Amino acid sequence: MAWWGWIAAGALLLAAEMGLVDAQFYLVFLGLSALLVGLMALSGFGGPVWAQWLLFAALAAASLVLFRGRVYARLQRGASPLREGLEGEVAIAAERIEVGARGHAELRGSRWTALNDGEVPIAAGERARVVRAEGLLLRVRREEHPGAAAPAGR
């Protein structure tokens, strides 16, 4: 294969990993191997086509086995895991919501129907913790602030 074919294949593999699919860092090492074979072919050390393919396979396999796990783990360590569901999120009441009544609350930039599942009313603009999500209905309770006095009757 011509040197430019290896370079193009390497660039396409890197672009696919970075922008199109989440291949969990496999395509990066394939792309880097193809780029390296292309650079070797450009400099005159590529050899026959069968040797280029053999070199590509060896580089790809070795880099995947030796480096992929460590590099991917290091990159994933800094990423925070995504939580499923809305439980524990904080919504802002769009209106006063009495105990056991429905109203509206803002969460993640959207307006939701909220049911006050707590023991005290939630004032407009007050923070409410999502206890459970049932379809498009959020069961919420007024968020307790540290150091705030407990409501009467508790």
C-alpha atoms as a PDB file:
ATOM      1  CA  MET A   1       0.000   0.000   0.000  1.00  0.00           C
ATOM      2  CA  ALA A   2       1.251   3.509  -0.721  1.00  0.00           C
ATOM      3  CA  TRP A   3       2.466   5.599   2.219  1.00  0.00           C
ATOM      4  CA  TRP A   4      -0.388   8.069   1.810  1.00  0.00           C
ATOM      5  CA  GLY A   5      -2.920   5.211   2.121  1.00  0.00           C
ATOM      6  CA  TRP A   6      -1.563   4.319   5.552  1.00  0.00           C
ATOM      7  CA  ILE A   7      -1.589   7.967   6.626  1.00  0.00           C
ATOM      8  CA  ALA A   8      -5.180   8.426   5.413  1.00  0.00           C
ATOM      9  CA  ALA A   9      -6.319   5.216   7.119  1.00  0.00           C
ATOM     10  CA  GLY A  10      -4.631   6.269  10.360  1.00  0.00           C
ATOM     11  CA  ALA A  11      -6.218   9.712  10.240  1.00  0.00           C
ATOM     12  CA  LEU A  12      -9.654   8.219   9.541  1.00  0.00           C
ATOM     13  CA  LEU A  13      -9.318   5.778  12.443  1.00  0.00           C
ATOM     14  CA  LEU A  14      -8.274   8.555  14.823  1.00  0.00           C
ATOM     15  CA  ALA A  15     -11.105  10.794  13.639  1.00  0.00           C
ATOM     16  CA  ALA A  16     -13.616   7.975  14.038  1.00  0.00           C
ATOM     17  CA  GLU A  17     -12.492   7.360  17.616  1.00  0.00           C
ATOM     18  CA  MET A  18     -12.483  11.009  18.581  1.00  0.00           C
ATOM     19  CA  GLY A  19     -15.609  12.226  16.864  1.00  0.00           C
ATOM     20  CA  LEU A  20     -17.903   9.551  15.601  1.00  0.00           C
ATOM     21  CA  VAL A  21     -17.945   6.506  17.857  1.00  0.00           C
ATOM     22  CA  ASP A  22     -16.905   5.555  21.365  1.00  0.00           C
ATOM     23  CA  ALA A  23     -14.764   2.509  20.641  1.00  0.00           C
ATOM     24  CA  GLN A  24     -13.219   2.651  24.118  1.00  0.00           C
ATOM     25  CA  PHE A  25      -9.840   3.731  22.776  1.00  0.00           C
ATOM     26  CA  TYR A  26      -9.224   0.771  20.449  1.00  0.00           C
ATOM     27  CA  LEU A  27      -9.231   2.783  17.230  1.00  0.00           C
ATOM     28  CA  VAL A  28      -6.618   5.195  18.590  1.00  0.00           C
ATOM     29  CA  PHE A  29      -3.981   2.470  18.708  1.00  0.00           C
ATOM     30  CA  LEU A  30      -4.981   1.125  15.298  1.00  0.00           C
ATOM     31  CA  GLY A  31      -4.788   4.632  13.868  1.00  0.00           C
ATOM     32  CA  LEU A  32      -1.406   5.331  15.445  1.00  0.00           C
ATOM     33  CA  SER A  33      -0.077   2.022  14.105  1.00  0.00           C
ATOM     34  CA  ALA A  34      -1.273   2.882  10.603  1.00  0.00           C
ATOM     35  CA  LEU A  35       0.315   6.338  10.849  1.00  0.00           C
ATOM     36  CA  LEU A  36       3.610   4.811  11.960  1.00  0.00           C
ATOM     37  CA  VAL A  37       3.611   2.329   9.069  1.00  0.00           C
ATOM     38  CA  GLY A  38       2.811   5.199   6.688  1.00  0.00           C
ATOM     39  CA  LEU A  39       5.693   7.275   8.024  1.00  0.00           C
ATOM     40  CA  MET A  40       8.046   4.300   7.694  1.00  0.00           C
ATOM     41  CA  ALA A  41       6.885   3.724   4.094  1.00  0.00           C
ATOM     42  CA  LEU A  42       7.378   7.427   3.333  1.00  0.00           C
ATOM     43  CA  SER A  43      10.934   7.318   4.672  1.00  0.00           C
ATOM     44  CA  GLY A  44      11.743   4.231   2.583  1.00  0.00           C
ATOM     45  CA  PHE A  45      11.711   1.637   5.373  1.00  0.00           C
ATOM     46  CA  GLY A  46       8.264   0.219   4.554  1.00  0.00           C
ATOM     47  CA  GLY A  47       9.313  -2.810   2.542  1.00  0.00           C
ATOM     48  CA  PRO A  48       6.878  -4.884   0.475  1.00  0.00           C
ATOM     49  CA  VAL A  49       3.130  -4.657   1.020  1.00  0.00           C
ATOM     50  CA  TRP A  50       2.966  -7.925   2.959  1.00  0.00           C
ATOM     51  CA  ALA A  51       5.654  -6.639   5.357  1.00  0.00           C
ATOM     52  CA  GLN A  52       3.736  -3.395   5.872  1.00  0.00           C
ATOM     53  CA  TRP A  53       0.582  -5.328   6.810  1.00  0.00           C
ATOM     54  CA  LEU A  54       2.574  -7.597   9.101  1.00  0.00           C
ATOM     55  CA  LEU A  55       4.200  -4.579  10.765  1.00  0.00           C
ATOM     56  CA  PHE A  56       0.808  -2.878  11.139  1.00  0.00           C
ATOM     57  CA  ALA A  57      -0.706  -5.981  12.755  1.00  0.00           C
ATOM     58  CA  ALA A  58       2.247  -6.396  15.119  1.00  0.00           C
ATOM     59  CA  LEU A  59       2.266  -2.723  16.139  1.00  0.00           C
ATOM     60  CA  ALA A  60      -1.493  -2.654  16.639  1.00  0.00           C
ATOM     61  CA  ALA A  61      -1.565  -5.853  18.708  1.00  0.00           C
ATOM     62  CA  ALA A  62       1.433  -4.882  20.828  1.00  0.00           C
ATOM     63  CA  SER A  63       0.182  -1.365  21.539  1.00  0.00           C
ATOM     64  CA  LEU A  64      -3.303  -2.611  22.388  1.00  0.00           C
ATOM     65  CA  VAL A  65      -1.971  -5.227  24.788  1.00  0.00           C
ATOM     66  CA  LEU A  66       0.739  -3.098  26.383  1.00  0.00           C
ATOM     67  CA  PHE A  67      -0.718   0.406  26.507  1.00  0.00           C
ATOM     68  CA  ARG A  68      -4.478   0.559  25.907  1.00  0.00           C
ATOM     69  CA  GLY A  69      -5.607  -0.599  29.357  1.00  0.00           C
ATOM     70  CA  ARG A  70      -3.339   1.809  31.211  1.00  0.00           C
ATOM     71  CA  VAL A  71      -4.068   4.819  29.026  1.00  0.00           C
ATOM     72  CA  TYR A  72      -7.832   4.220  28.996  1.00  0.00           C
ATOM     73  CA  ALA A  73      -7.930   3.723  32.781  1.00  0.00           C
ATOM     74  CA  ARG A  74      -6.001   6.952  33.302  1.00  0.00           C
ATOM     75  CA  LEU A  75      -8.400   8.882  31.071  1.00  0.00           C
ATOM     76  CA  GLN A  76     -11.480   7.349  32.712  1.00  0.00           C
ATOM     77  CA  ARG A  77     -10.216   8.054  36.247  1.00  0.00           C
ATOM     78  CA  GLY A  78     -10.862  11.782  35.850  1.00  0.00           C
ATOM     79  CA  ALA A  79     -14.325  11.360  34.352  1.00  0.00           C
ATOM     80  CA  SER A  80     -17.277  11.421  36.699  1.00  0.00           C
ATOM     81  CA  PRO A  81     -19.768   8.592  36.256  1.00  0.00           C
ATOM     82  CA  LEU A  82     -23.189   9.430  34.902  1.00  0.00           C
ATOM     83  CA  ARG A  83     -26.070   8.833  37.258  1.00  0.00           C
ATOM     84  CA  GLU A  84     -29.197   7.282  35.929  1.00  0.00           C
ATOM     85  CA  GLY A  85     -32.521   8.753  36.882  1.00  0.00           C
ATOM     86  CA  LEU A  86     -33.370  12.008  38.596  1.00  0.00           C
ATOM     87  CA  GLU A  87     -33.422  10.852  42.214  1.00  0.00           C
ATOM     88  CA  GLY A  88     -31.305  13.125  44.383  1.00  0.00           C
ATOM     89  CA  GLU A  89     -31.297  16.007  41.883  1.00  0.00           C
ATOM     90  CA  VAL A  90     -32.331  19.483  43.021  1.00  0.00           C
ATOM     91  CA  ALA A  91     -35.294  21.193  41.364  1.00  0.00           C
ATOM     92  CA  ILE A  92     -36.467  24.785  41.845  1.00  0.00           C
ATOM     93  CA  ALA A  93     -40.151  25.275  42.590  1.00  0.00           C
ATOM     94  CA  ALA A  94     -41.769  27.526  39.984  1.00  0.00           C
ATOM     95  CA  GLU A  95     -44.728  28.165  42.305  1.00  0.00           C
ATOM     96  CA  ARG A  96     -45.797  27.396  45.841  1.00  0.00           C
ATOM     97  CA  ILE A  97     -46.512  23.680  46.212  1.00  0.00           C
ATOM     98  CA  GLU A  98     -48.582  22.646  49.209  1.00  0.00           C
ATOM     99  CA  VAL A  99     -48.099  19.295  50.968  1.00  0.00           C
ATOM    100  CA  GLY A 100     -49.602  16.533  48.799  1.00  0.00           C
ATOM    101  CA  ALA A 101     -50.380  18.992  45.987  1.00  0.00           C
ATOM    102  CA  ARG A 102     -49.018  19.252  42.471  1.00  0.00           C
ATOM    103  CA  GLY A 103     -47.206  22.222  41.034  1.00  0.00           C
ATOM    104  CA  HIS A 104     -44.350  22.947  38.692  1.00  0.00           C
ATOM    105  CA  ALA A 105     -40.603  22.856  39.198  1.00  0.00           C
ATOM    106  CA  GLU A 106     -37.583  23.575  36.993  1.00  0.00           C
ATOM    107  CA  LEU A 107     -34.981  20.836  36.601  1.00  0.00           C
ATOM    108  CA  ARG A 108     -32.186  20.568  34.038  1.00  0.00           C
ATOM    109  CA  GLY A 109     -33.631  23.469  32.068  1.00  0.00           C
ATOM    110  CA  SER A 110     -37.117  21.949  31.752  1.00  0.00           C
ATOM    111  CA  ARG A 111     -40.393  22.551  33.533  1.00  0.00           C
ATOM    112  CA  TRP A 112     -41.733  19.443  35.307  1.00  0.00           C
ATOM    113  CA  THR A 113     -44.902  18.594  37.169  1.00  0.00           C
ATOM    114  CA  ALA A 114     -43.904  18.150  40.791  1.00  0.00           C
ATOM    115  CA  LEU A 115     -45.776  16.522  43.674  1.00  0.00           C
ATOM    116  CA  ASN A 116     -44.831  17.698  47.170  1.00  0.00           C
ATOM    117  CA  ASP A 117     -44.135  14.409  48.939  1.00  0.00           C
ATOM    118  CA  GLY A 118     -42.810  16.109  52.070  1.00  0.00           C
ATOM    119  CA  GLU A 119     -44.304  17.401  55.307  1.00  0.00           C
ATOM    120  CA  VAL A 120     -43.943  21.137  54.652  1.00  0.00           C
ATOM    121  CA  PRO A 121     -44.984  23.378  51.739  1.00  0.00           C
ATOM    122  CA  ILE A 122     -42.394  24.406  49.174  1.00  0.00           C
ATOM    123  CA  ALA A 123     -42.277  28.128  48.395  1.00  0.00           C
ATOM    124  CA  ALA A 124     -41.795  29.506  44.890  1.00  0.00           C
ATOM    125  CA  GLY A 125     -38.086  29.697  44.082  1.00  0.00           C
ATOM    126  CA  GLU A 126     -37.173  27.266  46.848  1.00  0.00           C
ATOM    127  CA  ARG A 127     -34.956  24.238  46.271  1.00  0.00           C
ATOM    128  CA  ALA A 128     -36.605  20.818  46.357  1.00  0.00           C
ATOM    129  CA  ARG A 129     -34.868  17.441  46.334  1.00  0.00           C
ATOM    130  CA  VAL A 130     -36.270  14.828  43.918  1.00  0.00           C
ATOM    131  CA  VAL A 131     -37.282  11.738  45.894  1.00  0.00           C
ATOM    132  CA  ARG A 132     -38.545   9.711  42.948  1.00  0.00           C
ATOM    133  CA  ALA A 133     -39.459  10.212  39.312  1.00  0.00           C
ATOM    134  CA  GLU A 134     -42.599   8.561  37.975  1.00  0.00           C
ATOM    135  CA  GLY A 135     -42.665   9.179  34.258  1.00  0.00           C
ATOM    136  CA  LEU A 136     -42.973  12.956  33.898  1.00  0.00           C
ATOM    137  CA  LEU A 137     -43.989  13.491  37.532  1.00  0.00           C
ATOM    138  CA  LEU A 138     -41.338  14.361  40.097  1.00  0.00           C
ATOM    139  CA  ARG A 139     -41.980  13.557  43.754  1.00  0.00           C
ATOM    140  CA  VAL A 140     -40.101  16.260  45.643  1.00  0.00           C
ATOM    141  CA  ARG A 141     -39.448  17.396  49.200  1.00  0.00           C
ATOM    142  CA  ARG A 142     -38.263  20.783  50.359  1.00  0.00           C
ATOM    143  CA  GLU A 143     -34.518  20.711  50.681  1.00  0.00           C
ATOM    144  CA  GLU A 144     -33.421  21.084  54.283  1.00  0.00           C
ATOM    145  CA  HIS A 145     -30.685  23.622  54.780  1.00  0.00           C
ATOM    146  CA  PRO A 146     -28.001  22.906  57.358  1.00  0.00           C
ATOM    147  CA  GLY A 147     -28.563  24.979  60.483  1.00  0.00           C
ATOM    148  CA  ALA A 148     -32.146  25.859  59.554  1.00  0.00           C
ATOM    149  CA  ALA A 149     -34.733  25.509  62.270  1.00  0.00           C
ATOM    150  CA  ALA A 150     -36.965  22.459  61.950  1.00  0.00           C
ATOM    151  CA  PRO A 151     -40.576  23.285  61.041  1.00  0.00           C
ATOM    152  CA  ALA A 152     -43.112  23.298  63.869  1.00  0.00           C
ATOM    153  CA  GLY A 153     -45.043  20.102  64.403  1.00  0.00           C
ATOM    154  CA  ARG A 154     -42.174  17.733  63.714  1.00  0.00           C
END
